Amino acid sequence: MFTLLVGTPLQFFPSWMAFNIWLGVHILSTLFLVFFLWKKFENHKYLYFALSLYLLNSYHYYEIKHAQYHFLLLLFTVMFLYET
């Protein structure tokens, strides 16, 4: 269901444009998550370690290459855990 919800608006664009839009969404959500964690936990001693693990993870390359949506699930999970 989540795939249909996320993928349906992208069907209105040509495939190369939809991929570029999806790439932009991936980059913007990653920047938002890094900025959010940086501002909320700026005095935590493991912030640099956590952000480096997140940003240096090679999994992001495969998500971009195959146009996956798992970064959205990660974003929503982090927001959920922060709120609870």
PDB file of N, CA and C in Angstrom:
ATOM      1  N   MET A   1       0.820  -1.183   0.000  1.00  0.00           N
ATOM      2  CA  MET A   1       0.000   0.000   0.000  1.00  0.00           C
ATOM      3  C   MET A   1       0.876   1.264   0.000  1.00  0.00           C
ATOM      4  N   PHE A   2       1.955   1.215   0.783  1.00  0.00           N
ATOM      5  CA  PHE A   2       2.846   2.370   0.834  1.00  0.00           C
ATOM      6  C   PHE A   2       3.498   2.623  -0.517  1.00  0.00           C
ATOM      7  N   THR A   3       3.841   1.558  -1.228  1.00  0.00           N
ATOM      8  CA  THR A   3       4.430   1.703  -2.554  1.00  0.00           C
ATOM      9  C   THR A   3       3.458   2.363  -3.512  1.00  0.00           C
ATOM     10  N   LEU A   4       2.201   1.974  -3.463  1.00  0.00           N
ATOM     11  CA  LEU A   4       1.198   2.599  -4.323  1.00  0.00           C
ATOM     12  C   LEU A   4       0.972   4.058  -3.951  1.00  0.00           C
ATOM     13  N   LEU A   5       0.973   4.336  -2.665  1.00  0.00           N
ATOM     14  CA  LEU A   5       0.759   5.703  -2.206  1.00  0.00           C
ATOM     15  C   LEU A   5       1.899   6.619  -2.634  1.00  0.00           C
ATOM     16  N   VAL A   6       3.117   6.136  -2.542  1.00  0.00           N
ATOM     17  CA  VAL A   6       4.283   6.948  -2.895  1.00  0.00           C
ATOM     18  C   VAL A   6       4.492   6.984  -4.406  1.00  0.00           C
ATOM     19  N   GLY A   7       4.274   5.874  -5.090  1.00  0.00           N
ATOM     20  CA  GLY A   7       4.590   5.779  -6.503  1.00  0.00           C
ATOM     21  C   GLY A   7       3.551   6.322  -7.450  1.00  0.00           C
ATOM     22  N   THR A   8       2.318   6.438  -7.022  1.00  0.00           N
ATOM     23  CA  THR A   8       1.260   6.891  -7.926  1.00  0.00           C
ATOM     24  C   THR A   8       1.487   8.306  -8.454  1.00  0.00           C
ATOM     25  N   PRO A   9       1.855   9.290  -7.648  1.00  0.00           N
ATOM     26  CA  PRO A   9       2.086  10.627  -8.219  1.00  0.00           C
ATOM     27  C   PRO A   9       3.247  10.677  -9.213  1.00  0.00           C
ATOM     28  N   LEU A  10       4.194   9.780  -9.092  1.00  0.00           N
ATOM     29  CA  LEU A  10       5.341   9.778  -9.998  1.00  0.00           C
ATOM     30  C   LEU A  10       4.990   9.213 -11.375  1.00  0.00           C
ATOM     31  N   GLN A  11       3.860   8.545 -11.516  1.00  0.00           N
ATOM     32  CA  GLN A  11       3.470   7.974 -12.798  1.00  0.00           C
ATOM     33  C   GLN A  11       3.047   9.032 -13.804  1.00  0.00           C
ATOM     34  N   PHE A  12       2.793  10.235 -13.348  1.00  0.00           N
ATOM     35  CA  PHE A  12       2.376  11.303 -14.255  1.00  0.00           C
ATOM     36  C   PHE A  12       3.555  11.943 -14.990  1.00  0.00           C
ATOM     37  N   PHE A  13       4.765  11.545 -14.673  1.00  0.00           N
ATOM     38  CA  PHE A  13       5.972  12.102 -15.267  1.00  0.00           C
ATOM     39  C   PHE A  13       6.672  11.052 -16.113  1.00  0.00           C
ATOM     40  N   PRO A  14       7.496  11.480 -17.079  1.00  0.00           N
ATOM     41  CA  PRO A  14       8.338  10.500 -17.781  1.00  0.00           C
ATOM     42  C   PRO A  14       9.283   9.816 -16.793  1.00  0.00           C
ATOM     43  N   SER A  15       9.755   8.643 -17.168  1.00  0.00           N
ATOM     44  CA  SER A  15      10.528   7.841 -16.212  1.00  0.00           C
ATOM     45  C   SER A  15      11.803   8.544 -15.760  1.00  0.00           C
ATOM     46  N   TRP A  16      12.500   9.227 -16.643  1.00  0.00           N
ATOM     47  CA  TRP A  16      13.731   9.902 -16.246  1.00  0.00           C
ATOM     48  C   TRP A  16      13.434  11.070 -15.312  1.00  0.00           C
ATOM     49  N   MET A  17      12.322  11.768 -15.532  1.00  0.00           N
ATOM     50  CA  MET A  17      11.970  12.889 -14.659  1.00  0.00           C
ATOM     51  C   MET A  17      11.483  12.382 -13.297  1.00  0.00           C
ATOM     52  N   ALA A  18      10.732  11.286 -13.308  1.00  0.00           N
ATOM     53  CA  ALA A  18      10.261  10.708 -12.043  1.00  0.00           C
ATOM     54  C   ALA A  18      11.446  10.243 -11.197  1.00  0.00           C
ATOM     55  N   PHE A  19      12.457   9.662 -11.847  1.00  0.00           N
ATOM     56  CA  PHE A  19      13.646   9.233 -11.111  1.00  0.00           C
ATOM     57  C   PHE A  19      14.372  10.431 -10.515  1.00  0.00           C
ATOM     58  N   ASN A  20      14.482  11.524 -11.270  1.00  0.00           N
ATOM     59  CA  ASN A  20      15.142  12.723 -10.754  1.00  0.00           C
ATOM     60  C   ASN A  20      14.342  13.371  -9.629  1.00  0.00           C
ATOM     61  N   ILE A  21      13.035  13.356  -9.732  1.00  0.00           N
ATOM     62  CA  ILE A  21      12.197  13.870  -8.639  1.00  0.00           C
ATOM     63  C   ILE A  21      12.398  13.017  -7.392  1.00  0.00           C
ATOM     64  N   TRP A  22      12.416  11.707  -7.577  1.00  0.00           N
ATOM     65  CA  TRP A  22      12.612  10.800  -6.446  1.00  0.00           C
ATOM     66  C   TRP A  22      13.987  10.985  -5.821  1.00  0.00           C
ATOM     67  N   LEU A  23      14.995  11.232  -6.655  1.00  0.00           N
ATOM     68  CA  LEU A  23      16.341  11.522  -6.156  1.00  0.00           C
ATOM     69  C   LEU A  23      16.337  12.808  -5.329  1.00  0.00           C
ATOM     70  N   GLY A  24      15.623  13.825  -5.802  1.00  0.00           N
ATOM     71  CA  GLY A  24      15.509  15.078  -5.053  1.00  0.00           C
ATOM     72  C   GLY A  24      14.811  14.881  -3.718  1.00  0.00           C
ATOM     73  N   VAL A  25      13.768  14.067  -3.698  1.00  0.00           N
ATOM     74  CA  VAL A  25      13.070  13.772  -2.440  1.00  0.00           C
ATOM     75  C   VAL A  25      14.006  13.048  -1.477  1.00  0.00           C
ATOM     76  N   HIS A  26      14.797  12.135  -2.007  1.00  0.00           N
ATOM     77  CA  HIS A  26      15.753  11.405  -1.166  1.00  0.00           C
ATOM     78  C   HIS A  26      16.780  12.363  -0.567  1.00  0.00           C
ATOM     79  N   ILE A  27      17.321  13.245  -1.376  1.00  0.00           N
ATOM     80  CA  ILE A  27      18.337  14.191  -0.886  1.00  0.00           C
ATOM     81  C   ILE A  27      17.734  15.154   0.129  1.00  0.00           C
ATOM     82  N   LEU A  28      16.548  15.679  -0.152  1.00  0.00           N
ATOM     83  CA  LEU A  28      15.914  16.620   0.777  1.00  0.00           C
ATOM     84  C   LEU A  28      15.548  15.956   2.101  1.00  0.00           C
ATOM     85  N   SER A  29      15.058  14.737   2.056  1.00  0.00           N
ATOM     86  CA  SER A  29      14.704  14.065   3.310  1.00  0.00           C
ATOM     87  C   SER A  29      15.956  13.714   4.117  1.00  0.00           C
ATOM     88  N   THR A  30      17.041  13.357   3.436  1.00  0.00           N
ATOM     89  CA  THR A  30      18.291  13.079   4.135  1.00  0.00           C
ATOM     90  C   THR A  30      18.831  14.342   4.788  1.00  0.00           C
ATOM     91  N   LEU A  31      18.805  15.447   4.057  1.00  0.00           N
ATOM     92  CA  LEU A  31      19.251  16.719   4.636  1.00  0.00           C
ATOM     93  C   LEU A  31      18.381  17.139   5.812  1.00  0.00           C
ATOM     94  N   PHE A  32      17.074  16.946   5.689  1.00  0.00           N
ATOM     95  CA  PHE A  32      16.176  17.270   6.796  1.00  0.00           C
ATOM     96  C   PHE A  32      16.486  16.430   8.023  1.00  0.00           C
ATOM     97  N   LEU A  33      16.700  15.132   7.824  1.00  0.00           N
ATOM     98  CA  LEU A  33      16.976  14.250   8.957  1.00  0.00           C
ATOM     99  C   LEU A  33      18.297  14.612   9.628  1.00  0.00           C
ATOM    100  N   VAL A  34      19.318  14.898   8.845  1.00  0.00           N
ATOM    101  CA  VAL A  34      20.614  15.281   9.417  1.00  0.00           C
ATOM    102  C   VAL A  34      20.485  16.600  10.170  1.00  0.00           C
ATOM    103  N   PHE A  35      19.801  17.578   9.587  1.00  0.00           N
ATOM    104  CA  PHE A  35      19.616  18.866  10.249  1.00  0.00           C
ATOM    105  C   PHE A  35      18.800  18.714  11.527  1.00  0.00           C
ATOM    106  N   PHE A  36      17.753  17.902  11.486  1.00  0.00           N
ATOM    107  CA  PHE A  36      16.906  17.665  12.654  1.00  0.00           C
ATOM    108  C   PHE A  36      17.710  17.039  13.790  1.00  0.00           C
ATOM    109  N   LEU A  37      18.465  15.989  13.478  1.00  0.00           N
ATOM    110  CA  LEU A  37      19.262  15.339  14.513  1.00  0.00           C
ATOM    111  C   LEU A  37      20.363  16.249  15.036  1.00  0.00           C
ATOM    112  N   TRP A  38      20.928  17.056  14.149  1.00  0.00           N
ATOM    113  CA  TRP A  38      21.986  17.986  14.552  1.00  0.00           C
ATOM    114  C   TRP A  38      21.442  19.012  15.546  1.00  0.00           C
ATOM    115  N   LYS A  39      20.267  19.560  15.278  1.00  0.00           N
ATOM    116  CA  LYS A  39      19.702  20.595  16.151  1.00  0.00           C
ATOM    117  C   LYS A  39      19.171  20.030  17.463  1.00  0.00           C
ATOM    118  N   LYS A  40      18.562  18.854  17.414  1.00  0.00           N
ATOM    119  CA  LYS A  40      17.952  18.295  18.624  1.00  0.00           C
ATOM    120  C   LYS A  40      18.968  17.653  19.561  1.00  0.00           C
ATOM    121  N   PHE A  41      20.074  17.170  19.028  1.00  0.00           N
ATOM    122  CA  PHE A  41      21.055  16.461  19.847  1.00  0.00           C
ATOM    123  C   PHE A  41      22.449  17.057  19.692  1.00  0.00           C
ATOM    124  N   GLU A  42      22.549  18.370  19.591  1.00  0.00           N
ATOM    125  CA  GLU A  42      23.838  18.993  19.312  1.00  0.00           C
ATOM    126  C   GLU A  42      24.842  18.856  20.452  1.00  0.00           C
ATOM    127  N   ASN A  43      24.410  18.611  21.651  1.00  0.00           N
ATOM    128  CA  ASN A  43      25.326  18.470  22.782  1.00  0.00           C
ATOM    129  C   ASN A  43      25.594  17.015  23.168  1.00  0.00           C
ATOM    130  N   HIS A  44      25.042  16.086  22.417  1.00  0.00           N
ATOM    131  CA  HIS A  44      25.240  14.667  22.728  1.00  0.00           C
ATOM    132  C   HIS A  44      26.618  14.218  22.245  1.00  0.00           C
ATOM    133  N   LYS A  45      27.286  13.396  23.045  1.00  0.00           N
ATOM    134  CA  LYS A  45      28.658  13.029  22.719  1.00  0.00           C
ATOM    135  C   LYS A  45      28.766  12.047  21.560  1.00  0.00           C
ATOM    136  N   TYR A  46      27.691  11.348  21.203  1.00  0.00           N
ATOM    137  CA  TYR A  46      27.728  10.393  20.100  1.00  0.00           C
ATOM    138  C   TYR A  46      27.082  10.928  18.822  1.00  0.00           C
ATOM    139  N   LEU A  47      26.840  12.216  18.742  1.00  0.00           N
ATOM    140  CA  LEU A  47      26.185  12.780  17.564  1.00  0.00           C
ATOM    141  C   LEU A  47      27.033  12.600  16.308  1.00  0.00           C
ATOM    142  N   TYR A  48      28.298  12.918  16.370  1.00  0.00           N
ATOM    143  CA  TYR A  48      29.162  12.800  15.193  1.00  0.00           C
ATOM    144  C   TYR A  48      29.297  11.346  14.736  1.00  0.00           C
ATOM    145  N   PHE A  49      29.378  10.449  15.680  1.00  0.00           N
ATOM    146  CA  PHE A  49      29.464   9.028  15.350  1.00  0.00           C
ATOM    147  C   PHE A  49      28.179   8.550  14.670  1.00  0.00           C
ATOM    148  N   ALA A  50      27.030   8.943  15.212  1.00  0.00           N
ATOM    149  CA  ALA A  50      25.746   8.517  14.644  1.00  0.00           C
ATOM    150  C   ALA A  50      25.535   9.099  13.253  1.00  0.00           C
ATOM    151  N   LEU A  51      25.833  10.374  13.076  1.00  0.00           N
ATOM    152  CA  LEU A  51      25.654  10.987  11.762  1.00  0.00           C
ATOM    153  C   LEU A  51      26.636  10.436  10.740  1.00  0.00           C
ATOM    154  N   SER A  52      27.843  10.128  11.163  1.00  0.00           N
ATOM    155  CA  SER A  52      28.800   9.546  10.213  1.00  0.00           C
ATOM    156  C   SER A  52      28.376   8.138   9.813  1.00  0.00           C
ATOM    157  N   LEU A  53      27.843   7.358  10.741  1.00  0.00           N
ATOM    158  CA  LEU A  53      27.327   6.041  10.369  1.00  0.00           C
ATOM    159  C   LEU A  53      26.164   6.162   9.395  1.00  0.00           C
ATOM    160  N   TYR A  54      25.307   7.127   9.619  1.00  0.00           N
ATOM    161  CA  TYR A  54      24.155   7.316   8.733  1.00  0.00           C
ATOM    162  C   TYR A  54      24.589   7.785   7.351  1.00  0.00           C
ATOM    163  N   LEU A  55      25.476   8.756   7.282  1.00  0.00           N
ATOM    164  CA  LEU A  55      25.851   9.342   5.996  1.00  0.00           C
ATOM    165  C   LEU A  55      26.843   8.493   5.213  1.00  0.00           C
ATOM    166  N   LEU A  56      27.669   7.724   5.874  1.00  0.00           N
ATOM    167  CA  LEU A  56      28.662   6.903   5.181  1.00  0.00           C
ATOM    168  C   LEU A  56      28.164   5.504   4.856  1.00  0.00           C
ATOM    169  N   ASN A  57      26.932   5.222   5.163  1.00  0.00           N
ATOM    170  CA  ASN A  57      26.357   3.919   4.886  1.00  0.00           C
ATOM    171  C   ASN A  57      26.199   3.746   3.377  1.00  0.00           C
ATOM    172  N   SER A  58      26.708   2.669   2.836  1.00  0.00           N
ATOM    173  CA  SER A  58      26.629   2.441   1.386  1.00  0.00           C
ATOM    174  C   SER A  58      25.223   2.069   0.939  1.00  0.00           C
ATOM    175  N   TYR A  59      24.329   1.834   1.871  1.00  0.00           N
ATOM    176  CA  TYR A  59      22.948   1.478   1.541  1.00  0.00           C
ATOM    177  C   TYR A  59      22.249   2.609   0.786  1.00  0.00           C
ATOM    178  N   HIS A  60      22.638   3.853   1.040  1.00  0.00           N
ATOM    179  CA  HIS A  60      22.030   4.989   0.341  1.00  0.00           C
ATOM    180  C   HIS A  60      22.282   4.902  -1.162  1.00  0.00           C
ATOM    181  N   TYR A  61      23.449   4.425  -1.539  1.00  0.00           N
ATOM    182  CA  TYR A  61      23.756   4.281  -2.961  1.00  0.00           C
ATOM    183  C   TYR A  61      22.785   3.320  -3.628  1.00  0.00           C
ATOM    184  N   TYR A  62      22.511   2.195  -3.001  1.00  0.00           N
ATOM    185  CA  TYR A  62      21.613   1.205  -3.587  1.00  0.00           C
ATOM    186  C   TYR A  62      20.176   1.709  -3.613  1.00  0.00           C
ATOM    187  N   GLU A  63      19.782   2.480  -2.616  1.00  0.00           N
ATOM    188  CA  GLU A  63      18.440   3.067  -2.630  1.00  0.00           C
ATOM    189  C   GLU A  63      18.275   4.038  -3.786  1.00  0.00           C
ATOM    190  N   ILE A  64      19.291   4.843  -4.034  1.00  0.00           N
ATOM    191  CA  ILE A  64      19.217   5.792  -5.139  1.00  0.00           C
ATOM    192  C   ILE A  64      19.270   5.054  -6.469  1.00  0.00           C
ATOM    193  N   LYS A  65      20.149   4.076  -6.592  1.00  0.00           N
ATOM    194  CA  LYS A  65      20.305   3.349  -7.849  1.00  0.00           C
ATOM    195  C   LYS A  65      19.028   2.606  -8.235  1.00  0.00           C
ATOM    196  N   HIS A  66      18.363   2.011  -7.271  1.00  0.00           N
ATOM    197  CA  HIS A  66      17.171   1.222  -7.549  1.00  0.00           C
ATOM    198  C   HIS A  66      15.870   1.949  -7.226  1.00  0.00           C
ATOM    199  N   ALA A  67      15.957   3.229  -6.881  1.00  0.00           N
ATOM    200  CA  ALA A  67      14.788   4.084  -6.595  1.00  0.00           C
ATOM    201  C   ALA A  67      13.894   3.467  -5.516  1.00  0.00           C
ATOM    202  N   GLN A  68      14.499   3.075  -4.421  1.00  0.00           N
ATOM    203  CA  GLN A  68      13.764   2.495  -3.306  1.00  0.00           C
ATOM    204  C   GLN A  68      13.213   3.597  -2.400  1.00  0.00           C
ATOM    205  N   TYR A  69      12.314   3.233  -1.508  1.00  0.00           N
ATOM    206  CA  TYR A  69      11.678   4.209  -0.625  1.00  0.00           C
ATOM    207  C   TYR A  69      11.983   3.963   0.845  1.00  0.00           C
ATOM    208  N   HIS A  70      12.959   3.154   1.164  1.00  0.00           N
ATOM    209  CA  HIS A  70      13.233   2.816   2.557  1.00  0.00           C
ATOM    210  C   HIS A  70      13.722   4.003   3.371  1.00  0.00           C
ATOM    211  N   PHE A  71      14.283   5.008   2.712  1.00  0.00           N
ATOM    212  CA  PHE A  71      14.716   6.195   3.442  1.00  0.00           C
ATOM    213  C   PHE A  71      13.530   6.923   4.054  1.00  0.00           C
ATOM    214  N   LEU A  72      12.347   6.832   3.422  1.00  0.00           N
ATOM    215  CA  LEU A  72      11.154   7.437   4.018  1.00  0.00           C
ATOM    216  C   LEU A  72      10.723   6.681   5.264  1.00  0.00           C
ATOM    217  N   LEU A  73      10.818   5.374   5.229  1.00  0.00           N
ATOM    218  CA  LEU A  73      10.486   4.587   6.418  1.00  0.00           C
ATOM    219  C   LEU A  73      11.449   4.897   7.554  1.00  0.00           C
ATOM    220  N   LEU A  74      12.722   5.073   7.222  1.00  0.00           N
ATOM    221  CA  LEU A  74      13.710   5.441   8.233  1.00  0.00           C
ATOM    222  C   LEU A  74      13.402   6.830   8.801  1.00  0.00           C
ATOM    223  N   LEU A  75      13.062   7.768   7.935  1.00  0.00           N
ATOM    224  CA  LEU A  75      12.732   9.118   8.380  1.00  0.00           C
ATOM    225  C   LEU A  75      11.528   9.104   9.318  1.00  0.00           C
ATOM    226  N   PHE A  76      10.478   8.400   8.931  1.00  0.00           N
ATOM    227  CA  PHE A  76       9.285   8.349   9.779  1.00  0.00           C
ATOM    228  C   PHE A  76       9.531   7.586  11.080  1.00  0.00           C
ATOM    229  N   THR A  77      10.377   6.576  11.042  1.00  0.00           N
ATOM    230  CA  THR A  77      10.717   5.836  12.262  1.00  0.00           C
ATOM    231  C   THR A  77      11.486   6.722  13.239  1.00  0.00           C
ATOM    232  N   VAL A  78      12.445   7.484  12.729  1.00  0.00           N
ATOM    233  CA  VAL A  78      13.213   8.388  13.603  1.00  0.00           C
ATOM    234  C   VAL A  78      12.300   9.460  14.189  1.00  0.00           C
ATOM    235  N   MET A  79      11.401  10.005  13.389  1.00  0.00           N
ATOM    236  CA  MET A  79      10.472  11.026  13.897  1.00  0.00           C
ATOM    237  C   MET A  79       9.536  10.431  14.947  1.00  0.00           C
ATOM    238  N   PHE A  80       9.068   9.199  14.712  1.00  0.00           N
ATOM    239  CA  PHE A  80       8.206   8.510  15.671  1.00  0.00           C
ATOM    240  C   PHE A  80       8.932   8.262  16.983  1.00  0.00           C
ATOM    241  N   LEU A  81      10.169   7.774  16.898  1.00  0.00           N
ATOM    242  CA  LEU A  81      10.927   7.510  18.116  1.00  0.00           C
ATOM    243  C   LEU A  81      11.246   8.779  18.875  1.00  0.00           C
ATOM    244  N   TYR A  82      11.497   9.860  18.157  1.00  0.00           N
ATOM    245  CA  TYR A  82      11.759  11.125  18.834  1.00  0.00           C
ATOM    246  C   TYR A  82      10.513  11.625  19.558  1.00  0.00           C
ATOM    247  N   GLU A  83       9.369  11.499  18.943  1.00  0.00           N
ATOM    248  CA  GLU A  83       8.134  11.981  19.557  1.00  0.00           C
ATOM    249  C   GLU A  83       7.689  11.129  20.737  1.00  0.00           C
ATOM    250  N   THR A  84       8.013   9.833  20.704  1.00  0.00           N
ATOM    251  CA  THR A  84       7.583   8.991  21.817  1.00  0.00           C
ATOM    252  C   THR A  84       8.613   9.070  22.925  1.00  0.00           C
TER     253      THR A  84
END
